[in-house]
């Protein structure tokens, strides 16, 4: 059974930075593409960043240049470095390979 544990969220001022981590167990980590998704109140969950099994990364335009997705295969962990955070980045953030989901981690950007 796949288990995903996201961490690293919190309250940060606009312009600040956070690094999210997602520890994965019960999965052959390296064979999947992994994504960071977010869901803001009243909105649908959206994929904001993805890293393929060969390491190719893609981002939605709203976070491109500010967010960086990476992975550590030895640690079965996916990261999301978030810089220049904006209030509109406020959401619960999840990592997933598209099938399994963790509990998410709350990111709140507010002065």
PDB file of N, CA and C in Angstrom:
ATOM      1  N   UNK A   1       0.836  -1.184   0.000  1.00  0.00           N
ATOM      2  CA  UNK A   1       0.000   0.000   0.000  1.00  0.00           C
ATOM      3  C   UNK A   1       0.878   1.244   0.000  1.00  0.00           C
ATOM      4  N   UNK A   2       0.569   2.154  -0.904  1.00  0.00           N
ATOM      5  CA  UNK A   2       1.361   3.373  -1.024  1.00  0.00           C
ATOM      6  C   UNK A   2       0.969   4.352   0.074  1.00  0.00           C
ATOM      7  N   UNK A   3       1.973   4.915   0.710  1.00  0.00           N
ATOM      8  CA  UNK A   3       1.743   5.963   1.696  1.00  0.00           C
ATOM      9  C   UNK A   3       2.538   7.202   1.314  1.00  0.00           C
ATOM     10  N   UNK A   4       1.859   8.334   1.375  1.00  0.00           N
ATOM     11  CA  UNK A   4       2.471   9.615   1.049  1.00  0.00           C
ATOM     12  C   UNK A   4       2.305  10.537   2.247  1.00  0.00           C
ATOM     13  N   UNK A   5       3.403  11.128   2.697  1.00  0.00           N
ATOM     14  CA  UNK A   5       3.345  12.031   3.831  1.00  0.00           C
ATOM     15  C   UNK A   5       3.977  13.357   3.430  1.00  0.00           C
ATOM     16  N   UNK A   6       3.116  14.367   3.279  1.00  0.00           N
ATOM     17  CA  UNK A   6       3.583  15.706   2.938  1.00  0.00           C
ATOM     18  C   UNK A   6       3.886  16.500   4.205  1.00  0.00           C
ATOM     19  N   UNK A   7       4.880  17.363   4.112  1.00  0.00           N
ATOM     20  CA  UNK A   7       5.241  18.217   5.242  1.00  0.00           C
ATOM     21  C   UNK A   7       5.903  19.482   4.723  1.00  0.00           C
ATOM     22  N   UNK A   8       6.071  20.440   5.628  1.00  0.00           N
ATOM     23  CA  UNK A   8       6.783  21.662   5.284  1.00  0.00           C
ATOM     24  C   UNK A   8       5.915  22.879   5.067  1.00  0.00           C
ATOM     25  N   UNK A   9       4.608  22.706   5.120  1.00  0.00           N
ATOM     26  CA  UNK A   9       3.725  23.850   4.948  1.00  0.00           C
ATOM     27  C   UNK A   9       3.750  24.769   6.154  1.00  0.00           C
ATOM     28  N   UNK A  10       3.040  25.873   6.028  1.00  0.00           N
ATOM     29  CA  UNK A  10       2.965  26.821   7.131  1.00  0.00           C
ATOM     30  C   UNK A  10       2.472  28.170   6.672  1.00  0.00           C
ATOM     31  N   UNK A  11       2.609  29.127   7.561  1.00  0.00           N
ATOM     32  CA  UNK A  11       2.215  30.503   7.292  1.00  0.00           C
ATOM     33  C   UNK A  11       3.454  31.302   6.912  1.00  0.00           C
ATOM     34  N   UNK A  12       3.378  32.005   5.802  1.00  0.00           N
ATOM     35  CA  UNK A  12       4.521  32.780   5.334  1.00  0.00           C
ATOM     36  C   UNK A  12       4.013  34.094   4.752  1.00  0.00           C
ATOM     37  N   UNK A  13       4.825  35.120   4.858  1.00  0.00           N
ATOM     38  CA  UNK A  13       4.453  36.421   4.302  1.00  0.00           C
ATOM     39  C   UNK A  13       4.653  36.432   2.789  1.00  0.00           C
ATOM     40  N   UNK A  14       3.919  37.275   2.094  1.00  0.00           N
ATOM     41  CA  UNK A  14       4.149  37.407   0.648  1.00  0.00           C
ATOM     42  C   UNK A  14       5.612  37.704   0.358  1.00  0.00           C
ATOM     43  N   UNK A  15       6.126  37.038  -0.665  1.00  0.00           N
ATOM     44  CA  UNK A  15       7.532  37.165  -1.003  1.00  0.00           C
ATOM     45  C   UNK A  15       8.427  36.156  -0.322  1.00  0.00           C
ATOM     46  N   UNK A  16       7.874  35.421   0.629  1.00  0.00           N
ATOM     47  CA  UNK A  16       8.652  34.442   1.364  1.00  0.00           C
ATOM     48  C   UNK A  16       8.818  33.126   0.630  1.00  0.00           C
ATOM     49  N   UNK A  17       9.462  32.180   1.309  1.00  0.00           N
ATOM     50  CA  UNK A  17       9.769  30.881   0.708  1.00  0.00           C
ATOM     51  C   UNK A  17       9.399  29.741   1.654  1.00  0.00           C
ATOM     52  N   UNK A  18       9.072  28.622   1.058  1.00  0.00           N
ATOM     53  CA  UNK A  18       8.851  27.378   1.796  1.00  0.00           C
ATOM     54  C   UNK A  18       9.356  26.229   0.946  1.00  0.00           C
ATOM     55  N   UNK A  19       9.759  25.166   1.611  1.00  0.00           N
ATOM     56  CA  UNK A  19      10.101  23.931   0.910  1.00  0.00           C
ATOM     57  C   UNK A  19       9.219  22.810   1.429  1.00  0.00           C
ATOM     58  N   UNK A  20       8.457  22.217   0.543  1.00  0.00           N
ATOM     59  CA  UNK A  20       7.591  21.097   0.883  1.00  0.00           C
ATOM     60  C   UNK A  20       8.311  19.785   0.593  1.00  0.00           C
ATOM     61  N   UNK A  21       8.040  18.792   1.422  1.00  0.00           N
ATOM     62  CA  UNK A  21       8.599  17.460   1.221  1.00  0.00           C
ATOM     63  C   UNK A  21       7.473  16.443   1.170  1.00  0.00           C
ATOM     64  N   UNK A  22       7.693  15.386   0.425  1.00  0.00           N
ATOM     65  CA  UNK A  22       6.720  14.301   0.333  1.00  0.00           C
ATOM     66  C   UNK A  22       7.484  12.986   0.428  1.00  0.00           C
ATOM     67  N   UNK A  23       7.308  12.310   1.535  1.00  0.00           N
ATOM     68  CA  UNK A  23       7.958  11.017   1.743  1.00  0.00           C
ATOM     69  C   UNK A  23       7.045   9.919   1.231  1.00  0.00           C
ATOM     70  N   UNK A  24       7.587   9.070   0.371  1.00  0.00           N
ATOM     71  CA  UNK A  24       6.801   8.023  -0.284  1.00  0.00           C
ATOM     72  C   UNK A  24       7.256   6.651   0.198  1.00  0.00           C
ATOM     73  N   UNK A  25       6.311   5.818   0.542  1.00  0.00           N
ATOM     74  CA  UNK A  25       6.634   4.435   0.906  1.00  0.00           C
ATOM     75  C   UNK A  25       5.634   3.495   0.248  1.00  0.00           C
ATOM     76  N   UNK A  26       6.049   2.255   0.085  1.00  0.00           N
ATOM     77  CA  UNK A  26       5.153   1.267  -0.490  1.00  0.00           C
ATOM     78  C   UNK A  26       5.008   1.350  -1.987  1.00  0.00           C
ATOM     79  N   UNK A  27       5.900   2.092  -2.629  1.00  0.00           N
ATOM     80  CA  UNK A  27       5.818   2.261  -4.076  1.00  0.00           C
ATOM     81  C   UNK A  27       7.206   2.132  -4.675  1.00  0.00           C
ATOM     82  N   UNK A  28       7.260   1.686  -5.921  1.00  0.00           N
ATOM     83  CA  UNK A  28       8.532   1.708  -6.643  1.00  0.00           C
ATOM     84  C   UNK A  28       8.705   3.132  -7.138  1.00  0.00           C
ATOM     85  N   UNK A  29       9.290   3.942  -6.299  1.00  0.00           N
ATOM     86  CA  UNK A  29       9.318   5.397  -6.458  1.00  0.00           C
ATOM     87  C   UNK A  29       9.821   5.822  -7.824  1.00  0.00           C
ATOM     88  N   UNK A  30      10.913   5.225  -8.275  1.00  0.00           N
ATOM     89  CA  UNK A  30      11.608   5.758  -9.447  1.00  0.00           C
ATOM     90  C   UNK A  30      10.907   5.498 -10.767  1.00  0.00           C
ATOM     91  N   UNK A  31       9.895   4.647 -10.795  1.00  0.00           N
ATOM     92  CA  UNK A  31       9.273   4.340 -12.085  1.00  0.00           C
ATOM     93  C   UNK A  31       8.115   5.269 -12.412  1.00  0.00           C
ATOM     94  N   UNK A  32       7.758   6.125 -11.465  1.00  0.00           N
ATOM     95  CA  UNK A  32       6.613   6.994 -11.676  1.00  0.00           C
ATOM     96  C   UNK A  32       7.015   8.442 -11.918  1.00  0.00           C
ATOM     97  N   UNK A  33       6.119   9.162 -12.585  1.00  0.00           N
ATOM     98  CA  UNK A  33       6.183  10.620 -12.573  1.00  0.00           C
ATOM     99  C   UNK A  33       5.465  11.078 -11.318  1.00  0.00           C
ATOM    100  N   UNK A  34       5.998  12.108 -10.701  1.00  0.00           N
ATOM    101  CA  UNK A  34       5.412  12.620  -9.459  1.00  0.00           C
ATOM    102  C   UNK A  34       5.031  14.084  -9.636  1.00  0.00           C
ATOM    103  N   UNK A  35       3.906  14.421  -9.054  1.00  0.00           N
ATOM    104  CA  UNK A  35       3.429  15.793  -9.172  1.00  0.00           C
ATOM    105  C   UNK A  35       3.086  16.393  -7.830  1.00  0.00           C
ATOM    106  N   UNK A  36       3.182  17.707  -7.795  1.00  0.00           N
ATOM    107  CA  UNK A  36       2.640  18.474  -6.677  1.00  0.00           C
ATOM    108  C   UNK A  36       1.350  19.133  -7.161  1.00  0.00           C
ATOM    109  N   UNK A  37       0.299  18.912  -6.406  1.00  0.00           N
ATOM    110  CA  UNK A  37      -1.008  19.478  -6.691  1.00  0.00           C
ATOM    111  C   UNK A  37      -1.371  20.437  -5.557  1.00  0.00           C
ATOM    112  N   UNK A  38      -2.311  21.306  -5.846  1.00  0.00           N
ATOM    113  CA  UNK A  38      -2.832  22.148  -4.778  1.00  0.00           C
ATOM    114  C   UNK A  38      -4.325  22.359  -4.952  1.00  0.00           C
ATOM    115  N   UNK A  39      -4.974  22.584  -3.831  1.00  0.00           N
ATOM    116  CA  UNK A  39      -6.416  22.859  -3.852  1.00  0.00           C
ATOM    117  C   UNK A  39      -6.713  23.992  -2.894  1.00  0.00           C
ATOM    118  N   UNK A  40      -7.186  25.076  -3.463  1.00  0.00           N
ATOM    119  CA  UNK A  40      -7.598  26.228  -2.670  1.00  0.00           C
ATOM    120  C   UNK A  40      -9.072  26.100  -2.329  1.00  0.00           C
ATOM    121  N   UNK A  41      -9.521  26.767  -1.272  1.00  0.00           N
ATOM    122  CA  UNK A  41     -10.937  26.682  -0.891  1.00  0.00           C
ATOM    123  C   UNK A  41     -11.856  27.058  -2.042  1.00  0.00           C
ATOM    124  N   UNK A  42     -12.827  26.205  -2.318  1.00  0.00           N
ATOM    125  CA  UNK A  42     -13.791  26.489  -3.363  1.00  0.00           C
ATOM    126  C   UNK A  42     -13.307  26.269  -4.776  1.00  0.00           C
ATOM    127  N   UNK A  43     -12.084  25.745  -4.905  1.00  0.00           N
ATOM    128  CA  UNK A  43     -11.518  25.533  -6.234  1.00  0.00           C
ATOM    129  C   UNK A  43     -11.162  24.057  -6.439  1.00  0.00           C
ATOM    130  N   UNK A  44     -11.030  23.702  -7.705  1.00  0.00           N
ATOM    131  CA  UNK A  44     -10.634  22.338  -8.022  1.00  0.00           C
ATOM    132  C   UNK A  44      -9.142  22.133  -7.777  1.00  0.00           C
ATOM    133  N   UNK A  45      -8.788  20.896  -7.515  1.00  0.00           N
ATOM    134  CA  UNK A  45      -7.382  20.557  -7.355  1.00  0.00           C
ATOM    135  C   UNK A  45      -6.673  20.726  -8.697  1.00  0.00           C
ATOM    136  N   UNK A  46      -5.490  21.343  -8.665  1.00  0.00           N
ATOM    137  CA  UNK A  46      -4.733  21.549  -9.886  1.00  0.00           C
ATOM    138  C   UNK A  46      -3.308  21.032  -9.728  1.00  0.00           C
ATOM    139  N   UNK A  47      -2.784  20.538 -10.836  1.00  0.00           N
ATOM    140  CA  UNK A  47      -1.398  20.102 -10.877  1.00  0.00           C
ATOM    141  C   UNK A  47      -0.532  21.329 -11.131  1.00  0.00           C
ATOM    142  N   UNK A  48       0.415  21.599 -10.236  1.00  0.00           N
ATOM    143  CA  UNK A  48       1.243  22.799 -10.400  1.00  0.00           C
ATOM    144  C   UNK A  48       2.657  22.477 -10.865  1.00  0.00           C
ATOM    145  N   UNK A  49       3.151  21.287 -10.578  1.00  0.00           N
ATOM    146  CA  UNK A  49       4.504  20.924 -10.989  1.00  0.00           C
ATOM    147  C   UNK A  49       4.599  19.411 -11.092  1.00  0.00           C
ATOM    148  N   UNK A  50       5.398  18.960 -12.045  1.00  0.00           N
ATOM    149  CA  UNK A  50       5.550  17.525 -12.255  1.00  0.00           C
ATOM    150  C   UNK A  50       6.996  17.211 -12.608  1.00  0.00           C
ATOM    151  N   UNK A  51       7.456  16.048 -12.140  1.00  0.00           N
ATOM    152  CA  UNK A  51       8.774  15.555 -12.514  1.00  0.00           C
ATOM    153  C   UNK A  51       8.600  14.130 -13.020  1.00  0.00           C
ATOM    154  N   UNK A  52       9.088  13.878 -14.225  1.00  0.00           N
ATOM    155  CA  UNK A  52       8.916  12.553 -14.815  1.00  0.00           C
ATOM    156  C   UNK A  52       9.973  11.593 -14.275  1.00  0.00           C
ATOM    157  N   UNK A  53       9.832  10.333 -14.646  1.00  0.00           N
ATOM    158  CA  UNK A  53      10.775   9.332 -14.135  1.00  0.00           C
ATOM    159  C   UNK A  53      12.186   9.532 -14.697  1.00  0.00           C
ATOM    160  N   UNK A  54      12.292  10.315 -15.771  1.00  0.00           N
ATOM    161  CA  UNK A  54      13.629  10.612 -16.285  1.00  0.00           C
ATOM    162  C   UNK A  54      14.103  11.995 -15.848  1.00  0.00           C
ATOM    163  N   UNK A  55      13.308  12.651 -15.007  1.00  0.00           N
ATOM    164  CA  UNK A  55      13.749  13.906 -14.425  1.00  0.00           C
ATOM    165  C   UNK A  55      13.305  15.169 -15.132  1.00  0.00           C
ATOM    166  N   UNK A  56      12.492  15.030 -16.151  1.00  0.00           N
ATOM    167  CA  UNK A  56      11.977  16.215 -16.836  1.00  0.00           C
ATOM    168  C   UNK A  56      10.927  16.904 -15.963  1.00  0.00           C
ATOM    169  N   UNK A  57      11.019  18.220 -15.866  1.00  0.00           N
ATOM    170  CA  UNK A  57      10.086  18.973 -15.020  1.00  0.00           C
ATOM    171  C   UNK A  57       9.196  19.888 -15.853  1.00  0.00           C
ATOM    172  N   UNK A  58       7.969  20.048 -15.406  1.00  0.00           N
ATOM    173  CA  UNK A  58       7.026  20.968 -16.034  1.00  0.00           C
ATOM    174  C   UNK A  58       6.273  21.707 -14.935  1.00  0.00           C
ATOM    175  N   UNK A  59       5.802  22.913 -15.278  1.00  0.00           N
ATOM    176  CA  UNK A  59       5.119  23.773 -14.317  1.00  0.00           C
ATOM    177  C   UNK A  59       3.954  24.472 -14.989  1.00  0.00           C
ATOM    178  N   UNK A  60       2.936  24.790 -14.187  1.00  0.00           N
ATOM    179  CA  UNK A  60       1.887  25.650 -14.710  1.00  0.00           C
ATOM    180  C   UNK A  60       2.447  27.069 -14.786  1.00  0.00           C
ATOM    181  N   UNK A  61       1.927  27.879 -15.704  1.00  0.00           N
ATOM    182  CA  UNK A  61       2.488  29.227 -15.877  1.00  0.00           C
ATOM    183  C   UNK A  61       2.491  30.068 -14.603  1.00  0.00           C
ATOM    184  N   UNK A  62       1.509  29.876 -13.747  1.00  0.00           N
ATOM    185  CA  UNK A  62       1.388  30.731 -12.564  1.00  0.00           C
ATOM    186  C   UNK A  62       2.516  30.520 -11.561  1.00  0.00           C
ATOM    187  N   UNK A  63       3.231  29.391 -11.649  1.00  0.00           N
ATOM    188  CA  UNK A  63       4.316  29.136 -10.690  1.00  0.00           C
ATOM    189  C   UNK A  63       5.672  29.032 -11.363  1.00  0.00           C
ATOM    190  N   UNK A  64       5.706  29.025 -12.671  1.00  0.00           N
ATOM    191  CA  UNK A  64       6.964  28.867 -13.391  1.00  0.00           C
ATOM    192  C   UNK A  64       7.912  29.997 -13.048  1.00  0.00           C
ATOM    193  N   UNK A  65       9.146  29.636 -12.730  1.00  0.00           N
ATOM    194  CA  UNK A  65      10.142  30.618 -12.338  1.00  0.00           C
ATOM    195  C   UNK A  65      10.169  30.891 -10.847  1.00  0.00           C
ATOM    196  N   UNK A  66       9.141  30.436 -10.141  1.00  0.00           N
ATOM    197  CA  UNK A  66       9.083  30.630  -8.681  1.00  0.00           C
ATOM    198  C   UNK A  66       9.189  29.307  -7.919  1.00  0.00           C
ATOM    199  N   UNK A  67       8.637  28.247  -8.485  1.00  0.00           N
ATOM    200  CA  UNK A  67       8.625  26.932  -7.840  1.00  0.00           C
ATOM    201  C   UNK A  67       9.603  26.001  -8.548  1.00  0.00           C
ATOM    202  N   UNK A  68      10.202  25.099  -7.774  1.00  0.00           N
ATOM    203  CA  UNK A  68      11.098  24.080  -8.341  1.00  0.00           C
ATOM    204  C   UNK A  68      10.776  22.729  -7.731  1.00  0.00           C
ATOM    205  N   UNK A  69      10.460  21.765  -8.583  1.00  0.00           N
ATOM    206  CA  UNK A  69      10.205  20.405  -8.122  1.00  0.00           C
ATOM    207  C   UNK A  69      11.483  19.592  -8.290  1.00  0.00           C
ATOM    208  N   UNK A  70      11.738  18.744  -7.320  1.00  0.00           N
ATOM    209  CA  UNK A  70      12.908  17.864  -7.395  1.00  0.00           C
ATOM    210  C   UNK A  70      12.602  16.574  -6.650  1.00  0.00           C
ATOM    211  N   UNK A  71      13.514  15.623  -6.748  1.00  0.00           N
ATOM    212  CA  UNK A  71      13.301  14.347  -6.065  1.00  0.00           C
ATOM    213  C   UNK A  71      14.648  13.791  -5.626  1.00  0.00           C
ATOM    214  N   UNK A  72      14.594  12.972  -4.599  1.00  0.00           N
ATOM    215  CA  UNK A  72      15.756  12.236  -4.136  1.00  0.00           C
ATOM    216  C   UNK A  72      15.356  10.764  -4.164  1.00  0.00           C
ATOM    217  N   UNK A  73      15.821  10.059  -5.188  1.00  0.00           N
ATOM    218  CA  UNK A  73      15.401   8.671  -5.369  1.00  0.00           C
ATOM    219  C   UNK A  73      15.869   7.801  -4.212  1.00  0.00           C
ATOM    220  N   UNK A  74      17.051   8.084  -3.684  1.00  0.00           N
ATOM    221  CA  UNK A  74      17.580   7.298  -2.565  1.00  0.00           C
ATOM    222  C   UNK A  74      16.709   7.440  -1.321  1.00  0.00           C
ATOM    223  N   UNK A  75      16.071   8.588  -1.180  1.00  0.00           N
ATOM    224  CA  UNK A  75      15.236   8.839  -0.005  1.00  0.00           C
ATOM    225  C   UNK A  75      13.746   8.677  -0.294  1.00  0.00           C
ATOM    226  N   UNK A  76      13.399   8.310  -1.546  1.00  0.00           N
ATOM    227  CA  UNK A  76      11.973   8.197  -1.921  1.00  0.00           C
ATOM    228  C   UNK A  76      11.195   9.460  -1.529  1.00  0.00           C
ATOM    229  N   UNK A  77      11.750  10.596  -1.860  1.00  0.00           N
ATOM    230  CA  UNK A  77      11.150  11.862  -1.446  1.00  0.00           C
ATOM    231  C   UNK A  77      11.085  12.833  -2.621  1.00  0.00           C
ATOM    232  N   UNK A  78       9.974  13.536  -2.706  1.00  0.00           N
ATOM    233  CA  UNK A  78       9.763  14.583  -3.697  1.00  0.00           C
ATOM    234  C   UNK A  78       9.706  15.919  -2.952  1.00  0.00           C
ATOM    235  N   UNK A  79      10.294  16.936  -3.549  1.00  0.00           N
ATOM    236  CA  UNK A  79      10.346  18.256  -2.917  1.00  0.00           C
ATOM    237  C   UNK A  79       9.692  19.296  -3.821  1.00  0.00           C
ATOM    238  N   UNK A  80       9.222  20.364  -3.191  1.00  0.00           N
ATOM    239  CA  UNK A  80       8.758  21.529  -3.937  1.00  0.00           C
ATOM    240  C   UNK A  80       9.308  22.762  -3.243  1.00  0.00           C
ATOM    241  N   UNK A  81      10.288  23.390  -3.871  1.00  0.00           N
ATOM    242  CA  UNK A  81      10.831  24.647  -3.375  1.00  0.00           C
ATOM    243  C   UNK A  81       9.974  25.776  -3.921  1.00  0.00           C
ATOM    244  N   UNK A  82       9.417  26.575  -3.027  1.00  0.00           N
ATOM    245  CA  UNK A  82       8.515  27.650  -3.433  1.00  0.00           C
ATOM    246  C   UNK A  82       9.099  28.986  -2.997  1.00  0.00           C
ATOM    247  N   UNK A  83       9.387  29.844  -3.956  1.00  0.00           N
ATOM    248  CA  UNK A  83       9.930  31.169  -3.688  1.00  0.00           C
ATOM    249  C   UNK A  83       8.944  32.239  -4.151  1.00  0.00           C
ATOM    250  N   UNK A  84       9.178  33.450  -3.691  1.00  0.00           N
ATOM    251  CA  UNK A  84       8.349  34.597  -4.089  1.00  0.00           C
ATOM    252  C   UNK A  84       6.862  34.274  -3.959  1.00  0.00           C
ATOM    253  N   UNK A  85       6.502  33.732  -2.827  1.00  0.00           N
ATOM    254  CA  UNK A  85       5.126  33.281  -2.628  1.00  0.00           C
ATOM    255  C   UNK A  85       4.152  34.449  -2.649  1.00  0.00           C
ATOM    256  N   UNK A  86       2.961  34.161  -3.174  1.00  0.00           N
ATOM    257  CA  UNK A  86       1.902  35.150  -3.304  1.00  0.00           C
ATOM    258  C   UNK A  86       0.671  34.668  -2.548  1.00  0.00           C
ATOM    259  N   UNK A  87      -0.207  35.577  -2.158  1.00  0.00           N
ATOM    260  CA  UNK A  87      -1.438  35.144  -1.466  1.00  0.00           C
ATOM    261  C   UNK A  87      -2.233  34.114  -2.270  1.00  0.00           C
ATOM    262  N   UNK A  88      -2.201  34.211  -3.579  1.00  0.00           N
ATOM    263  CA  UNK A  88      -2.945  33.253  -4.406  1.00  0.00           C
ATOM    264  C   UNK A  88      -2.322  31.855  -4.427  1.00  0.00           C
ATOM    265  N   UNK A  89      -1.160  31.696  -3.805  1.00  0.00           N
ATOM    266  CA  UNK A  89      -0.570  30.363  -3.656  1.00  0.00           C
ATOM    267  C   UNK A  89      -1.143  29.630  -2.446  1.00  0.00           C
ATOM    268  N   UNK A  90      -1.954  30.310  -1.660  1.00  0.00           N
ATOM    269  CA  UNK A  90      -2.560  29.691  -0.488  1.00  0.00           C
ATOM    270  C   UNK A  90      -3.438  28.517  -0.899  1.00  0.00           C
ATOM    271  N   UNK A  91      -3.156  27.351  -0.320  1.00  0.00           N
ATOM    272  CA  UNK A  91      -3.880  26.132  -0.684  1.00  0.00           C
ATOM    273  C   UNK A  91      -3.347  24.983   0.171  1.00  0.00           C
ATOM    274  N   UNK A  92      -4.030  23.858   0.082  1.00  0.00           N
ATOM    275  CA  UNK A  92      -3.473  22.602   0.591  1.00  0.00           C
ATOM    276  C   UNK A  92      -2.702  21.963  -0.554  1.00  0.00           C
ATOM    277  N   UNK A  93      -1.468  21.586  -0.275  1.00  0.00           N
ATOM    278  CA  UNK A  93      -0.602  21.016  -1.294  1.00  0.00           C
ATOM    279  C   UNK A  93      -0.455  19.509  -1.070  1.00  0.00           C
ATOM    280  N   UNK A  94      -0.556  18.772  -2.175  1.00  0.00           N
ATOM    281  CA  UNK A  94      -0.465  17.324  -2.152  1.00  0.00           C
ATOM    282  C   UNK A  94       0.572  16.855  -3.172  1.00  0.00           C
ATOM    283  N   UNK A  95       1.221  15.752  -2.864  1.00  0.00           N
ATOM    284  CA  UNK A  95       2.011  15.097  -3.906  1.00  0.00           C
ATOM    285  C   UNK A  95       1.309  13.804  -4.290  1.00  0.00           C
ATOM    286  N   UNK A  96       1.526  13.390  -5.520  1.00  0.00           N
ATOM    287  CA  UNK A  96       0.855  12.188  -6.002  1.00  0.00           C
ATOM    288  C   UNK A  96       1.475  11.725  -7.304  1.00  0.00           C
ATOM    289  N   UNK A  97       1.319  10.431  -7.572  1.00  0.00           N
ATOM    290  CA  UNK A  97       1.658   9.907  -8.900  1.00  0.00           C
ATOM    291  C   UNK A  97       0.398   9.808  -9.751  1.00  0.00           C
ATOM    292  N   UNK A  98      -0.688  10.326  -9.216  1.00  0.00           N
ATOM    293  CA  UNK A  98      -1.945  10.346  -9.951  1.00  0.00           C
ATOM    294  C   UNK A  98      -2.977   9.377  -9.421  1.00  0.00           C
ATOM    295  N   UNK A  99      -2.530   8.503  -8.511  1.00  0.00           N
ATOM    296  CA  UNK A  99      -3.450   7.501  -7.983  1.00  0.00           C
ATOM    297  C   UNK A  99      -3.548   7.530  -6.464  1.00  0.00           C
ATOM    298  N   UNK A 100      -2.458   7.778  -5.810  1.00  0.00           N
ATOM    299  CA  UNK A 100      -2.416   7.757  -4.356  1.00  0.00           C
ATOM    300  C   UNK A 100      -2.268   9.164  -3.819  1.00  0.00           C
ATOM    301  N   UNK A 101      -2.874   9.398  -2.668  1.00  0.00           N
ATOM    302  CA  UNK A 101      -2.887  10.746  -2.097  1.00  0.00           C
ATOM    303  C   UNK A 101      -2.596  10.689  -0.610  1.00  0.00           C
ATOM    304  N   UNK A 102      -1.885  11.704  -0.141  1.00  0.00           N
ATOM    305  CA  UNK A 102      -1.653  11.856   1.278  1.00  0.00           C
ATOM    306  C   UNK A 102      -2.651  12.830   1.865  1.00  0.00           C
ATOM    307  N   UNK A 103      -2.336  13.301   3.051  1.00  0.00           N
ATOM    308  CA  UNK A 103      -3.257  14.209   3.743  1.00  0.00           C
ATOM    309  C   UNK A 103      -3.045  15.659   3.330  1.00  0.00           C
ATOM    310  N   UNK A 104      -1.957  15.921   2.657  1.00  0.00           N
ATOM    311  CA  UNK A 104      -1.656  17.278   2.220  1.00  0.00           C
ATOM    312  C   UNK A 104      -1.010  18.110   3.314  1.00  0.00           C
ATOM    313  N   UNK A 105      -0.501  19.260   2.917  1.00  0.00           N
ATOM    314  CA  UNK A 105       0.085  20.208   3.862  1.00  0.00           C
ATOM    315  C   UNK A 105      -0.396  21.607   3.503  1.00  0.00           C
ATOM    316  N   UNK A 106      -0.839  22.340   4.504  1.00  0.00           N
ATOM    317  CA  UNK A 106      -1.438  23.659   4.280  1.00  0.00           C
ATOM    318  C   UNK A 106      -0.348  24.713   4.092  1.00  0.00           C
ATOM    319  N   UNK A 107      -0.496  25.488   3.047  1.00  0.00           N
ATOM    320  CA  UNK A 107       0.363  26.649   2.812  1.00  0.00           C
ATOM    321  C   UNK A 107      -0.530  27.882   2.828  1.00  0.00           C
ATOM    322  N   UNK A 108      -0.199  28.819   3.690  1.00  0.00           N
ATOM    323  CA  UNK A 108      -0.947  30.063   3.788  1.00  0.00           C
ATOM    324  C   UNK A 108       0.010  31.228   3.593  1.00  0.00           C
ATOM    325  N   UNK A 109      -0.280  32.051   2.603  1.00  0.00           N
ATOM    326  CA  UNK A 109       0.549  33.217   2.315  1.00  0.00           C
ATOM    327  C   UNK A 109      -0.258  34.455   2.657  1.00  0.00           C
ATOM    328  N   UNK A 110       0.172  35.134   3.704  1.00  0.00           N
ATOM    329  CA  UNK A 110      -0.596  36.262   4.196  1.00  0.00           C
ATOM    330  C   UNK A 110       0.304  37.198   4.981  1.00  0.00           C
ATOM    331  N   UNK A 111      -0.020  38.498   4.877  1.00  0.00           N
ATOM    332  CA  UNK A 111       0.719  39.471   5.668  1.00  0.00           C
ATOM    333  C   UNK A 111       0.150  39.539   7.072  1.00  0.00           C
TER     334      UNK A 111
END
